[in-house]
Amino acid sequence: MGISDDAVEIRARGWRTLAALHGLIDAELERALGEAVGLSVVEYTVLDALSRQDGWHMRMQQLARATALSPSATTRLVTRLEDRGLLTRILCADDRRGIYTELTAAGQALYEKAHPIHDDALERTLGDAVTQPELAPVVHALQSAAVGV
């Protein structure tokens, strides 16, 4: 194996480690949020993204980027959450093609209930992951990056 092959393998190993950590976190968040408040991780992500907006609204394409979903998947997700009374869509006054999504009072209340559950599950999972030698370097890197924020 040459030097460039070694570099490729190191990057690939790093990516596999990051993917493994993501899988652990995602599974635990899915379980904790589902059991406690009946939300999936992506549904929580929508509520979280909207809760951070001034006026609690976003354009649909911004929400698609925030959730890493396609526009059509975002539309389906927003429809499901709207049917549950957690958000609403508002037509943009300036651009009739533009649609904003906004949390309802029920959506904000559910987010406030879900947020500590999310944070506890994340903290617990990272605490468990740091004890696994193959995951510890990535967890430490995440913790170091968070301190710098």
Protein backbone atom coordinates (compact mmCIF):
# COMPACT_ATOMS: atom_id res chain seq x y z
CA MET A 1 0.00 0.00 0.00
CA GLY A 2 1.36 3.43 -0.94
CA ILE A 3 1.19 6.67 0.99
CA SER A 4 -1.93 7.84 -0.86
CA ASP A 5 -3.57 4.45 -0.23
CA ASP A 6 -2.84 4.84 3.50
CA ALA A 7 -4.42 8.29 3.52
CA VAL A 8 -7.53 6.97 1.79
CA GLU A 9 -7.80 4.13 4.30
CA ILE A 10 -7.39 6.53 7.25
CA ARG A 11 -10.16 8.77 5.90
CA ALA A 12 -12.38 5.76 5.23
CA ARG A 13 -11.81 4.44 8.76
CA GLY A 14 -12.66 7.88 10.17
CA TRP A 15 -15.83 8.01 8.13
CA ARG A 16 -16.88 4.52 9.28
CA THR A 17 -16.26 5.54 12.89
CA LEU A 18 -18.30 8.70 12.49
CA ALA A 19 -21.11 6.71 10.84
CA ALA A 20 -21.06 4.19 13.70
CA LEU A 21 -21.33 6.96 16.29
CA HIS A 22 -24.14 8.61 14.31
CA GLY A 23 -25.99 5.28 14.18
CA LEU A 24 -25.76 4.85 17.96
CA ILE A 25 -26.94 8.40 18.61
CA ASP A 26 -29.75 8.22 16.06
CA ALA A 27 -31.05 4.91 17.45
CA GLU A 28 -31.07 6.16 21.03
CA LEU A 29 -32.71 9.47 20.12
CA GLU A 30 -35.33 7.64 18.07
CA ARG A 31 -36.10 5.35 21.01
CA ALA A 32 -36.14 8.05 23.69
CA LEU A 33 -38.18 10.60 21.72
CA GLY A 34 -40.59 7.97 20.43
CA GLU A 35 -41.29 6.51 23.87
CA ALA A 36 -41.54 9.81 25.73
CA VAL A 37 -43.29 12.18 23.31
CA GLY A 38 -44.18 10.23 20.17
CA LEU A 39 -41.71 12.03 17.89
CA SER A 40 -39.17 10.66 15.45
CA VAL A 41 -35.72 12.22 15.26
CA VAL A 42 -36.54 14.02 12.01
CA GLU A 43 -39.82 15.32 13.44
CA TYR A 44 -37.91 16.63 16.45
CA THR A 45 -35.39 18.22 14.08
CA VAL A 46 -38.20 20.14 12.37
CA LEU A 47 -39.58 21.39 15.68
CA ASP A 48 -36.08 22.30 16.83
CA ALA A 49 -35.26 24.20 13.64
CA LEU A 50 -38.54 26.11 13.77
CA SER A 51 -38.17 26.92 17.47
CA ARG A 52 -34.88 28.68 16.70
CA GLN A 53 -36.42 31.10 14.19
CA ASP A 54 -37.43 34.62 14.97
CA GLY A 55 -41.20 34.45 14.71
CA TRP A 56 -40.92 30.63 14.53
CA HIS A 57 -41.20 30.30 10.77
CA MET A 58 -39.02 29.14 7.89
CA ARG A 59 -39.40 28.73 4.17
CA MET A 60 -39.92 25.13 3.14
CA GLN A 61 -36.58 24.98 1.28
CA GLN A 62 -34.76 26.20 4.43
CA LEU A 63 -36.49 23.48 6.41
CA ALA A 64 -35.47 20.89 3.81
CA ARG A 65 -31.83 21.93 4.25
CA ALA A 66 -32.12 21.89 8.04
CA THR A 67 -33.51 18.35 8.02
CA ALA A 68 -31.34 17.04 5.16
CA LEU A 69 -34.48 15.85 3.36
CA SER A 70 -35.57 16.26 -0.22
CA PRO A 71 -38.20 18.91 -0.91
CA SER A 72 -40.89 16.28 -1.45
CA ALA A 73 -39.98 14.40 1.75
CA THR A 74 -40.03 17.70 3.64
CA THR A 75 -43.48 18.49 2.29
CA ARG A 76 -44.79 15.07 3.39
CA LEU A 77 -43.23 15.51 6.83
CA VAL A 78 -44.65 19.02 7.25
CA THR A 79 -48.08 17.71 6.20
CA ARG A 80 -47.92 14.96 8.86
CA LEU A 81 -46.89 17.47 11.54
CA GLU A 82 -49.55 19.92 10.37
CA ASP A 83 -52.19 17.16 10.58
CA ARG A 84 -51.10 16.63 14.20
CA GLY A 85 -51.60 20.35 14.88
CA LEU A 86 -47.89 20.96 15.57
CA LEU A 87 -47.24 23.39 12.74
CA THR A 88 -48.96 25.47 10.17
CA ARG A 89 -48.12 26.77 6.72
CA ILE A 90 -48.38 30.42 5.81
CA LEU A 91 -48.27 31.87 2.30
CA CYS A 92 -45.53 34.45 1.82
CA ALA A 93 -47.03 37.92 1.32
CA ASP A 94 -44.17 38.97 -1.00
CA ASP A 95 -43.99 35.83 -3.13
CA ARG A 96 -47.15 33.81 -3.67
CA ARG A 97 -45.06 30.76 -4.48
CA GLY A 98 -43.28 30.97 -1.13
CA ILE A 99 -44.59 29.03 1.82
CA TYR A 100 -43.48 29.49 5.41
CA THR A 101 -43.80 26.86 8.10
CA GLU A 102 -44.41 27.95 11.66
CA LEU A 103 -44.82 26.18 15.00
CA THR A 104 -48.24 26.25 16.60
CA ALA A 105 -48.61 26.65 20.35
CA ALA A 106 -49.03 22.87 20.58
CA GLY A 107 -45.84 22.38 18.53
CA GLN A 108 -43.89 24.74 20.79
CA ALA A 109 -45.21 22.97 23.90
CA LEU A 110 -44.25 19.55 22.53
CA TYR A 111 -40.82 20.85 21.56
CA GLU A 112 -40.27 22.20 25.07
CA LYS A 113 -41.22 18.80 26.50
CA ALA A 114 -39.04 16.92 23.99
CA HIS A 115 -35.94 19.12 24.20
CA PRO A 116 -34.63 17.88 27.58
CA ILE A 117 -35.38 14.28 26.58
CA HIS A 118 -33.34 14.78 23.42
CA ASP A 119 -30.46 16.39 25.31
CA ASP A 120 -30.42 13.70 28.03
CA ALA A 121 -30.42 10.90 25.45
CA LEU A 122 -27.63 12.57 23.50
CA GLU A 123 -25.52 13.11 26.63
CA ARG A 124 -26.11 9.51 27.77
CA THR A 125 -25.20 8.07 24.37
CA LEU A 126 -22.03 10.16 24.08
CA GLY A 127 -21.10 9.13 27.62
CA ASP A 128 -21.45 5.47 26.67
CA ALA A 129 -19.66 5.94 23.35
CA VAL A 130 -16.61 7.60 24.91
CA THR A 131 -15.91 4.33 26.76
CA GLN A 132 -15.55 2.48 23.45
CA PRO A 133 -11.94 2.86 22.24
CA GLU A 134 -12.88 3.06 18.56
CA LEU A 135 -15.46 5.82 19.18
CA ALA A 136 -13.70 7.80 21.91
CA PRO A 137 -11.57 9.97 19.56
CA VAL A 138 -14.64 11.15 17.65
CA VAL A 139 -16.55 11.87 20.87
CA HIS A 140 -13.58 13.84 22.20
CA ALA A 141 -13.39 15.80 18.93
CA LEU A 142 -17.10 16.65 19.19
CA GLN A 143 -16.69 17.74 22.79
CA SER A 144 -13.69 19.89 21.90
CA ALA A 145 -15.59 21.50 19.03
CA ALA A 146 -18.54 22.24 21.34
CA VAL A 147 -16.26 23.97 23.84
CA GLY A 148 -14.97 26.22 21.06
CA VAL A 149 -18.50 27.31 20.14
